[in-house]
Amino acid sequence: MRILGIDPGYAIVGYGVVDYNGGSFSTVSFGAITTGADMPFSKRLKTIYDDMCEIINTYLPDEMGIEKLFFNSNEKTAIDVAQARGVTLLPAIQKNIPIYEYTPLQVKCSIAGYGRAEKKQVQEMTRTMLRLKAVPKPDDTADAVAIAITHGLSVNSRRIMDSVKNKD
């Protein structure tokens, strides 16, 4: 299964593409879509949409995992990130790619085994799990790769639970 992980944003959208087969992961690609602060916001959204279309058309993911948004302060930032998240999801929706959401707590538990793990712990575990020489940069990219791994582990857990249910 090919998984596209996304850490949404409007200045930086991290992405990670991993293959998950037989309980192991292999890295396909990772990187970031970036938009300049000097760009009109509508152009930033178009850039994110166009680049996401290119990523999806290039890597042909089977499923997508994306960070679930949570804001408790700046409403303007929340609205802007939500708009960017929408254009990030649209290409996957158009291609009928199933989308799954994960909270930062779920990612930390999945990758590091502890919901209050530090970002550096999660990054190092991600690097180790994918046998990478270095942690992907920027942090948004590392987060996206961790989301992709979380989705793979989640899919595996669901399959195990389904097989147990089917035996009963």
N, C-alpha and C. Protein backbone atom coordinates (compact mmCIF):
# COMPACT_ATOMS: atom_id res chain seq x y z
N MET A 1 0.85 -1.18 0.00
CA MET A 1 0.00 0.00 0.00
C MET A 1 0.89 1.24 0.00
N ARG A 2 0.57 2.17 -0.84
CA ARG A 2 1.29 3.44 -0.88
C ARG A 2 0.48 4.48 -0.13
N ILE A 3 1.14 5.15 0.82
CA ILE A 3 0.49 6.11 1.70
C ILE A 3 1.12 7.49 1.53
N LEU A 4 0.27 8.49 1.39
CA LEU A 4 0.70 9.88 1.36
C LEU A 4 0.33 10.51 2.69
N GLY A 5 1.33 10.97 3.43
CA GLY A 5 1.11 11.67 4.70
C GLY A 5 1.24 13.16 4.47
N ILE A 6 0.36 13.92 5.12
CA ILE A 6 0.34 15.38 4.94
C ILE A 6 0.31 16.09 6.29
N ASP A 7 1.19 17.08 6.43
CA ASP A 7 1.13 18.03 7.55
C ASP A 7 0.68 19.35 6.93
N PRO A 8 -0.61 19.71 7.12
CA PRO A 8 -1.16 20.87 6.41
C PRO A 8 -0.66 22.21 6.93
N GLY A 9 -0.70 23.18 6.07
CA GLY A 9 -0.33 24.54 6.40
C GLY A 9 -0.51 25.39 5.16
N TYR A 10 -0.19 26.67 5.24
CA TYR A 10 -0.25 27.50 4.04
C TYR A 10 1.11 28.09 3.69
N ALA A 11 2.03 28.17 4.62
CA ALA A 11 3.40 28.57 4.30
C ALA A 11 4.20 27.34 3.90
N ILE A 12 4.00 26.25 4.65
CA ILE A 12 4.68 24.98 4.38
C ILE A 12 3.67 23.85 4.53
N VAL A 13 3.56 23.02 3.51
CA VAL A 13 2.78 21.79 3.57
C VAL A 13 3.79 20.66 3.46
N GLY A 14 3.97 19.92 4.55
CA GLY A 14 4.88 18.79 4.50
C GLY A 14 4.19 17.60 3.88
N TYR A 15 4.94 16.81 3.12
CA TYR A 15 4.38 15.57 2.59
C TYR A 15 5.41 14.45 2.70
N GLY A 16 4.91 13.25 2.87
CA GLY A 16 5.76 12.07 2.89
C GLY A 16 5.03 10.93 2.21
N VAL A 17 5.72 10.21 1.36
CA VAL A 17 5.14 9.08 0.66
C VAL A 17 5.92 7.84 1.07
N VAL A 18 5.21 6.87 1.62
CA VAL A 18 5.84 5.61 2.02
C VAL A 18 5.05 4.44 1.46
N ASP A 19 5.76 3.35 1.23
CA ASP A 19 5.12 2.09 0.89
C ASP A 19 5.10 1.25 2.15
N TYR A 20 3.98 0.59 2.39
CA TYR A 20 3.82 -0.26 3.57
C TYR A 20 3.41 -1.64 3.09
N ASN A 21 4.29 -2.60 3.29
CA ASN A 21 4.03 -3.97 2.85
C ASN A 21 4.51 -4.95 3.91
N GLY A 22 3.65 -5.88 4.28
CA GLY A 22 4.04 -6.94 5.19
C GLY A 22 4.63 -6.46 6.50
N GLY A 23 4.14 -5.35 7.00
CA GLY A 23 4.61 -4.85 8.29
C GLY A 23 5.86 -3.99 8.22
N SER A 24 6.37 -3.72 7.03
CA SER A 24 7.55 -2.86 6.95
C SER A 24 7.30 -1.68 6.00
N PHE A 25 8.03 -0.63 6.27
CA PHE A 25 7.91 0.62 5.52
C PHE A 25 9.13 0.83 4.64
N SER A 26 8.91 1.45 3.50
CA SER A 26 10.02 1.93 2.69
C SER A 26 9.67 3.34 2.20
N THR A 27 10.68 4.17 2.17
CA THR A 27 10.50 5.56 1.77
C THR A 27 10.43 5.68 0.26
N VAL A 28 9.43 6.40 -0.22
CA VAL A 28 9.30 6.68 -1.64
C VAL A 28 9.79 8.10 -1.92
N SER A 29 9.25 9.06 -1.16
CA SER A 29 9.62 10.46 -1.34
C SER A 29 9.11 11.27 -0.16
N PHE A 30 9.73 12.41 0.05
CA PHE A 30 9.21 13.37 1.02
C PHE A 30 9.72 14.75 0.65
N GLY A 31 9.01 15.75 1.16
CA GLY A 31 9.41 17.12 0.88
C GLY A 31 8.37 18.09 1.39
N ALA A 32 8.38 19.28 0.84
CA ALA A 32 7.45 20.32 1.30
C ALA A 32 7.03 21.20 0.14
N ILE A 33 5.79 21.60 0.20
CA ILE A 33 5.26 22.63 -0.69
C ILE A 33 5.40 23.92 0.09
N THR A 34 6.05 24.91 -0.49
CA THR A 34 6.23 26.17 0.22
C THR A 34 5.63 27.32 -0.58
N THR A 35 5.09 28.28 0.16
CA THR A 35 4.56 29.49 -0.46
C THR A 35 5.13 30.68 0.29
N GLY A 36 5.41 31.74 -0.44
CA GLY A 36 6.01 32.93 0.15
C GLY A 36 5.00 33.82 0.85
N ALA A 37 5.42 34.41 1.93
CA ALA A 37 4.55 35.32 2.68
C ALA A 37 4.15 36.53 1.85
N ASP A 38 4.94 36.84 0.82
CA ASP A 38 4.63 37.99 -0.02
C ASP A 38 3.60 37.67 -1.11
N MET A 39 3.23 36.41 -1.25
CA MET A 39 2.25 36.01 -2.27
C MET A 39 0.84 36.34 -1.79
N PRO A 40 -0.05 36.77 -2.69
CA PRO A 40 -1.45 36.90 -2.29
C PRO A 40 -1.97 35.53 -1.82
N PHE A 41 -2.85 35.55 -0.85
CA PHE A 41 -3.30 34.29 -0.25
C PHE A 41 -3.94 33.37 -1.28
N SER A 42 -4.71 33.92 -2.21
CA SER A 42 -5.34 33.09 -3.23
C SER A 42 -4.30 32.38 -4.10
N LYS A 43 -3.19 33.03 -4.37
CA LYS A 43 -2.11 32.41 -5.15
C LYS A 43 -1.43 31.32 -4.34
N ARG A 44 -1.31 31.54 -3.03
CA ARG A 44 -0.74 30.49 -2.17
C ARG A 44 -1.61 29.24 -2.23
N LEU A 45 -2.93 29.43 -2.16
CA LEU A 45 -3.84 28.28 -2.22
C LEU A 45 -3.72 27.57 -3.56
N LYS A 46 -3.62 28.32 -4.64
CA LYS A 46 -3.49 27.70 -5.97
C LYS A 46 -2.18 26.92 -6.08
N THR A 47 -1.12 27.46 -5.55
CA THR A 47 0.18 26.77 -5.57
C THR A 47 0.09 25.45 -4.81
N ILE A 48 -0.53 25.48 -3.63
CA ILE A 48 -0.70 24.25 -2.84
C ILE A 48 -1.52 23.23 -3.63
N TYR A 49 -2.63 23.67 -4.20
CA TYR A 49 -3.48 22.76 -4.98
C TYR A 49 -2.71 22.17 -6.16
N ASP A 50 -2.06 23.01 -6.93
CA ASP A 50 -1.33 22.53 -8.11
C ASP A 50 -0.22 21.55 -7.72
N ASP A 51 0.52 21.87 -6.67
CA ASP A 51 1.61 20.98 -6.24
C ASP A 51 1.08 19.67 -5.69
N MET A 52 -0.06 19.72 -4.98
CA MET A 52 -0.66 18.47 -4.48
C MET A 52 -1.12 17.60 -5.63
N CYS A 53 -1.70 18.21 -6.66
CA CYS A 53 -2.09 17.44 -7.84
C CYS A 53 -0.89 16.74 -8.44
N GLU A 54 0.22 17.44 -8.53
CA GLU A 54 1.45 16.88 -9.09
C GLU A 54 1.97 15.72 -8.23
N ILE A 55 1.96 15.90 -6.92
CA ILE A 55 2.44 14.84 -6.02
C ILE A 55 1.56 13.60 -6.16
N ILE A 56 0.26 13.79 -6.17
CA ILE A 56 -0.66 12.65 -6.29
C ILE A 56 -0.52 11.98 -7.65
N ASN A 57 -0.40 12.75 -8.70
CA ASN A 57 -0.24 12.17 -10.04
C ASN A 57 1.10 11.47 -10.21
N THR A 58 2.12 11.93 -9.52
CA THR A 58 3.44 11.31 -9.62
C THR A 58 3.53 10.03 -8.81
N TYR A 59 3.04 10.05 -7.57
CA TYR A 59 3.26 8.92 -6.66
C TYR A 59 2.07 7.96 -6.54
N LEU A 60 0.90 8.37 -7.02
CA LEU A 60 -0.29 7.52 -7.05
C LEU A 60 -0.55 6.80 -5.72
N PRO A 61 -0.78 7.57 -4.65
CA PRO A 61 -1.03 6.94 -3.35
C PRO A 61 -2.36 6.20 -3.32
N ASP A 62 -2.40 5.12 -2.52
CA ASP A 62 -3.64 4.37 -2.33
C ASP A 62 -4.52 5.04 -1.28
N GLU A 63 -3.87 5.63 -0.27
CA GLU A 63 -4.59 6.28 0.82
C GLU A 63 -3.79 7.48 1.31
N MET A 64 -4.49 8.38 2.01
CA MET A 64 -3.85 9.58 2.54
C MET A 64 -4.13 9.68 4.03
N GLY A 65 -3.10 10.04 4.78
CA GLY A 65 -3.24 10.39 6.19
C GLY A 65 -2.90 11.86 6.33
N ILE A 66 -3.68 12.57 7.11
CA ILE A 66 -3.45 14.02 7.29
C ILE A 66 -3.66 14.38 8.75
N GLU A 67 -2.90 15.36 9.20
CA GLU A 67 -3.07 15.81 10.58
C GLU A 67 -4.40 16.52 10.76
N LYS A 68 -5.10 16.13 11.79
CA LYS A 68 -6.37 16.77 12.16
C LYS A 68 -6.04 18.12 12.79
N LEU A 69 -6.74 19.15 12.38
CA LEU A 69 -6.46 20.49 12.89
C LEU A 69 -7.03 20.70 14.28
N PHE A 70 -6.26 21.41 15.09
CA PHE A 70 -6.71 21.79 16.42
C PHE A 70 -6.13 23.17 16.71
N PHE A 71 -7.00 24.12 16.99
CA PHE A 71 -6.55 25.47 17.33
C PHE A 71 -7.27 25.93 18.57
N ASN A 72 -6.54 26.63 19.42
CA ASN A 72 -7.18 27.19 20.60
C ASN A 72 -6.87 28.67 20.76
N SER A 73 -6.28 29.28 19.73
CA SER A 73 -5.94 30.70 19.88
C SER A 73 -6.31 31.49 18.63
N ASN A 74 -5.38 31.78 17.78
CA ASN A 74 -5.51 32.71 16.68
C ASN A 74 -6.53 32.25 15.63
N GLU A 75 -7.70 32.93 15.60
CA GLU A 75 -8.76 32.56 14.66
C GLU A 75 -8.36 32.78 13.21
N LYS A 76 -7.65 33.87 12.92
CA LYS A 76 -7.25 34.13 11.54
C LYS A 76 -6.35 33.02 11.03
N THR A 77 -5.37 32.63 11.82
CA THR A 77 -4.48 31.54 11.43
C THR A 77 -5.28 30.26 11.22
N ALA A 78 -6.21 29.96 12.12
CA ALA A 78 -7.02 28.75 12.01
C ALA A 78 -7.81 28.73 10.70
N ILE A 79 -8.40 29.85 10.36
CA ILE A 79 -9.20 29.93 9.13
C ILE A 79 -8.29 29.77 7.91
N ASP A 80 -7.14 30.43 7.91
CA ASP A 80 -6.23 30.31 6.77
C ASP A 80 -5.71 28.88 6.61
N VAL A 81 -5.34 28.24 7.71
CA VAL A 81 -4.86 26.86 7.64
C VAL A 81 -5.99 25.94 7.19
N ALA A 82 -7.20 26.19 7.65
CA ALA A 82 -8.34 25.36 7.23
C ALA A 82 -8.58 25.50 5.73
N GLN A 83 -8.46 26.71 5.20
CA GLN A 83 -8.62 26.90 3.75
C GLN A 83 -7.52 26.15 2.99
N ALA A 84 -6.29 26.26 3.46
CA ALA A 84 -5.18 25.56 2.81
C ALA A 84 -5.37 24.05 2.90
N ARG A 85 -5.87 23.59 4.03
CA ARG A 85 -6.12 22.16 4.22
C ARG A 85 -7.17 21.67 3.21
N GLY A 86 -8.16 22.49 2.96
CA GLY A 86 -9.19 22.14 1.99
C GLY A 86 -8.63 21.94 0.59
N VAL A 87 -7.76 22.87 0.15
CA VAL A 87 -7.18 22.70 -1.19
C VAL A 87 -6.13 21.59 -1.21
N THR A 88 -5.59 21.25 -0.05
CA THR A 88 -4.67 20.11 0.04
C THR A 88 -5.44 18.80 -0.14
N LEU A 89 -6.64 18.73 0.43
CA LEU A 89 -7.45 17.52 0.35
C LEU A 89 -8.15 17.34 -1.01
N LEU A 90 -8.46 18.45 -1.66
CA LEU A 90 -9.27 18.39 -2.89
C LEU A 90 -8.70 17.45 -3.96
N PRO A 91 -7.40 17.48 -4.27
CA PRO A 91 -6.90 16.55 -5.29
C PRO A 91 -7.11 15.08 -4.91
N ALA A 92 -6.98 14.75 -3.64
CA ALA A 92 -7.21 13.37 -3.19
C ALA A 92 -8.69 13.02 -3.34
N ILE A 93 -9.55 13.95 -3.00
CA ILE A 93 -11.00 13.72 -3.13
C ILE A 93 -11.35 13.50 -4.61
N GLN A 94 -10.77 14.32 -5.47
CA GLN A 94 -11.04 14.20 -6.91
C GLN A 94 -10.58 12.86 -7.47
N LYS A 95 -9.56 12.26 -6.87
CA LYS A 95 -9.03 10.96 -7.33
C LYS A 95 -9.61 9.79 -6.52
N ASN A 96 -10.59 10.09 -5.65
CA ASN A 96 -11.22 9.06 -4.81
C ASN A 96 -10.23 8.31 -3.92
N ILE A 97 -9.25 9.04 -3.42
CA ILE A 97 -8.27 8.46 -2.49
C ILE A 97 -8.85 8.57 -1.08
N PRO A 98 -8.97 7.46 -0.37
CA PRO A 98 -9.48 7.53 1.01
C PRO A 98 -8.57 8.40 1.88
N ILE A 99 -9.20 9.22 2.72
CA ILE A 99 -8.48 10.17 3.58
C ILE A 99 -8.77 9.82 5.04
N TYR A 100 -7.70 9.77 5.84
CA TYR A 100 -7.81 9.47 7.27
C TYR A 100 -7.12 10.57 8.05
N GLU A 101 -7.73 10.97 9.17
CA GLU A 101 -7.19 12.05 9.98
C GLU A 101 -6.60 11.51 11.28
N TYR A 102 -5.49 12.13 11.70
CA TYR A 102 -4.82 11.74 12.93
C TYR A 102 -4.45 12.98 13.74
N THR A 103 -4.70 12.92 15.02
CA THR A 103 -4.30 14.01 15.91
C THR A 103 -2.81 13.89 16.22
N PRO A 104 -2.18 14.98 16.65
CA PRO A 104 -0.77 14.89 17.06
C PRO A 104 -0.57 13.84 18.16
N LEU A 105 -1.53 13.72 19.07
CA LEU A 105 -1.44 12.71 20.14
C LEU A 105 -1.40 11.30 19.55
N GLN A 106 -2.25 11.03 18.56
CA GLN A 106 -2.25 9.71 17.92
C GLN A 106 -0.92 9.43 17.23
N VAL A 107 -0.36 10.43 16.58
CA VAL A 107 0.92 10.26 15.89
C VAL A 107 2.02 9.97 16.91
N LYS A 108 2.07 10.74 17.99
CA LYS A 108 3.09 10.53 19.01
C LYS A 108 2.98 9.13 19.63
N CYS A 109 1.76 8.71 19.94
CA CYS A 109 1.55 7.37 20.52
C CYS A 109 1.97 6.29 19.53
N SER A 110 1.62 6.47 18.28
CA SER A 110 1.92 5.48 17.25
C SER A 110 3.42 5.36 17.00
N ILE A 111 4.10 6.46 16.92
CA ILE A 111 5.52 6.46 16.56
C ILE A 111 6.43 6.24 17.76
N ALA A 112 6.16 6.96 18.84
CA ALA A 112 7.05 6.91 20.00
C ALA A 112 6.49 6.08 21.16
N GLY A 113 5.21 5.69 21.06
CA GLY A 113 4.62 4.90 22.14
C GLY A 113 4.20 5.71 23.35
N TYR A 114 4.22 7.03 23.21
CA TYR A 114 3.93 7.91 24.33
C TYR A 114 3.34 9.20 23.81
N GLY A 115 2.14 9.56 24.29
CA GLY A 115 1.43 10.72 23.79
C GLY A 115 2.04 12.06 24.10
N ARG A 116 2.95 12.10 25.06
CA ARG A 116 3.61 13.36 25.40
C ARG A 116 5.07 13.36 24.94
N ALA A 117 5.36 12.52 23.98
CA ALA A 117 6.72 12.47 23.44
C ALA A 117 7.11 13.82 22.85
N GLU A 118 8.38 14.14 22.95
CA GLU A 118 8.89 15.37 22.36
C GLU A 118 8.99 15.20 20.84
N LYS A 119 8.91 16.32 20.14
CA LYS A 119 9.01 16.30 18.67
C LYS A 119 10.28 15.59 18.22
N LYS A 120 11.40 15.84 18.88
CA LYS A 120 12.67 15.22 18.49
C LYS A 120 12.63 13.70 18.67
N GLN A 121 11.92 13.21 19.68
CA GLN A 121 11.78 11.76 19.86
C GLN A 121 11.01 11.15 18.69
N VAL A 122 9.94 11.79 18.30
CA VAL A 122 9.12 11.31 17.18
C VAL A 122 9.95 11.34 15.89
N GLN A 123 10.68 12.42 15.70
CA GLN A 123 11.50 12.53 14.49
C GLN A 123 12.57 11.44 14.44
N GLU A 124 13.21 11.18 15.55
CA GLU A 124 14.26 10.16 15.59
C GLU A 124 13.68 8.76 15.36
N MET A 125 12.53 8.48 15.94
CA MET A 125 11.88 7.19 15.71
C MET A 125 11.47 7.05 14.25
N THR A 126 10.98 8.12 13.65
CA THR A 126 10.61 8.11 12.24
C THR A 126 11.84 7.81 11.39
N ARG A 127 12.94 8.48 11.68
CA ARG A 127 14.20 8.26 10.94
C ARG A 127 14.63 6.80 11.06
N THR A 128 14.55 6.26 12.27
CA THR A 128 14.96 4.88 12.51
C THR A 128 14.05 3.89 11.79
N MET A 129 12.74 4.10 11.88
CA MET A 129 11.79 3.18 11.26
C MET A 129 11.97 3.12 9.74
N LEU A 130 12.37 4.23 9.14
CA LEU A 130 12.55 4.28 7.68
C LEU A 130 14.01 4.08 7.26
N ARG A 131 14.88 3.87 8.24
CA ARG A 131 16.30 3.65 7.97
C ARG A 131 16.90 4.81 7.15
N LEU A 132 16.57 6.03 7.57
CA LEU A 132 17.08 7.22 6.90
C LEU A 132 18.38 7.67 7.57
N LYS A 133 19.23 8.33 6.82
CA LYS A 133 20.48 8.84 7.38
C LYS A 133 20.25 10.05 8.28
N ALA A 134 19.21 10.83 7.94
CA ALA A 134 18.91 12.04 8.71
C ALA A 134 17.40 12.22 8.80
N VAL A 135 16.99 13.00 9.78
CA VAL A 135 15.58 13.34 9.93
C VAL A 135 15.18 14.23 8.76
N PRO A 136 14.03 13.95 8.12
CA PRO A 136 13.59 14.82 7.02
C PRO A 136 13.41 16.27 7.50
N LYS A 137 13.76 17.19 6.65
CA LYS A 137 13.63 18.62 6.94
C LYS A 137 12.77 19.26 5.88
N PRO A 138 12.04 20.31 6.19
CA PRO A 138 11.83 20.92 7.49
C PRO A 138 10.98 20.04 8.40
N ASP A 139 10.70 20.52 9.61
CA ASP A 139 9.92 19.76 10.58
C ASP A 139 8.57 19.32 10.02
N ASP A 140 7.96 20.16 9.18
CA ASP A 140 6.66 19.82 8.59
C ASP A 140 6.76 18.55 7.74
N THR A 141 7.87 18.37 7.08
CA THR A 141 8.10 17.17 6.28
C THR A 141 8.25 15.96 7.19
N ALA A 142 9.03 16.10 8.25
CA ALA A 142 9.19 15.00 9.22
C ALA A 142 7.84 14.62 9.82
N ASP A 143 7.02 15.62 10.12
CA ASP A 143 5.69 15.36 10.67
C ASP A 143 4.82 14.60 9.66
N ALA A 144 4.91 14.98 8.39
CA ALA A 144 4.12 14.31 7.36
C ALA A 144 4.52 12.85 7.20
N VAL A 145 5.81 12.58 7.26
CA VAL A 145 6.29 11.20 7.17
C VAL A 145 5.79 10.40 8.37
N ALA A 146 5.82 11.01 9.56
CA ALA A 146 5.30 10.34 10.76
C ALA A 146 3.81 10.05 10.62
N ILE A 147 3.07 10.94 10.01
CA ILE A 147 1.64 10.73 9.78
C ILE A 147 1.43 9.56 8.82
N ALA A 148 2.24 9.46 7.78
CA ALA A 148 2.13 8.34 6.84
C ALA A 148 2.39 7.02 7.56
N ILE A 149 3.41 6.99 8.41
CA ILE A 149 3.71 5.76 9.17
C ILE A 149 2.56 5.44 10.11
N THR A 150 2.04 6.45 10.78
CA THR A 150 0.90 6.25 11.69
C THR A 150 -0.26 5.62 10.94
N HIS A 151 -0.51 6.10 9.74
CA HIS A 151 -1.61 5.52 8.97
C HIS A 151 -1.34 4.05 8.64
N GLY A 152 -0.13 3.74 8.25
CA GLY A 152 0.20 2.34 7.96
C GLY A 152 0.00 1.45 9.17
N LEU A 153 0.44 1.90 10.32
CA LEU A 153 0.28 1.12 11.55
C LEU A 153 -1.20 1.00 11.92
N SER A 154 -1.96 2.05 11.66
CA SER A 154 -3.40 2.04 11.93
C SER A 154 -4.11 1.04 11.03
N VAL A 155 -3.74 1.02 9.76
CA VAL A 155 -4.34 0.08 8.81
C VAL A 155 -4.04 -1.35 9.27
N ASN A 156 -2.81 -1.58 9.69
CA ASN A 156 -2.42 -2.91 10.16
C ASN A 156 -3.25 -3.31 11.37
N SER A 157 -3.44 -2.40 12.30
CA SER A 157 -4.25 -2.68 13.50
C SER A 157 -5.69 -3.00 13.12
N ARG A 158 -6.25 -2.25 12.18
CA ARG A 158 -7.63 -2.51 11.74
C ARG A 158 -7.75 -3.89 11.10
N ARG A 159 -6.75 -4.27 10.31
CA ARG A 159 -6.78 -5.59 9.66
C ARG A 159 -6.72 -6.70 10.70
N ILE A 160 -5.90 -6.53 11.71
CA ILE A 160 -5.80 -7.53 12.77
C ILE A 160 -7.13 -7.65 13.49
N MET A 161 -7.73 -6.51 13.83
CA MET A 161 -9.02 -6.53 14.53
C MET A 161 -10.10 -7.18 13.67
N ASP A 162 -10.09 -6.88 12.37
CA ASP A 162 -11.09 -7.47 11.46
C ASP A 162 -10.91 -8.99 11.39
N SER A 163 -9.66 -9.45 11.36
CA SER A 163 -9.44 -10.91 11.27
C SER A 163 -9.87 -11.60 12.57
N VAL A 164 -9.69 -10.94 13.70
CA VAL A 164 -10.14 -11.50 14.97
C VAL A 164 -11.67 -11.56 15.00
N LYS A 165 -12.32 -10.50 14.54
CA LYS A 165 -13.79 -10.48 14.50
C LYS A 165 -14.34 -11.57 13.57
N ASN A 166 -13.67 -11.78 12.44
CA ASN A 166 -14.13 -12.77 11.48
C ASN A 166 -13.96 -14.21 11.96
N LYS A 167 -13.05 -14.43 12.92
CA LYS A 167 -12.86 -15.77 13.46
C LYS A 167 -13.94 -16.13 14.46
N ASP A 168 -14.59 -15.10 15.03
CA ASP A 168 -15.62 -15.36 16.06
C ASP A 168 -16.90 -15.83 15.48
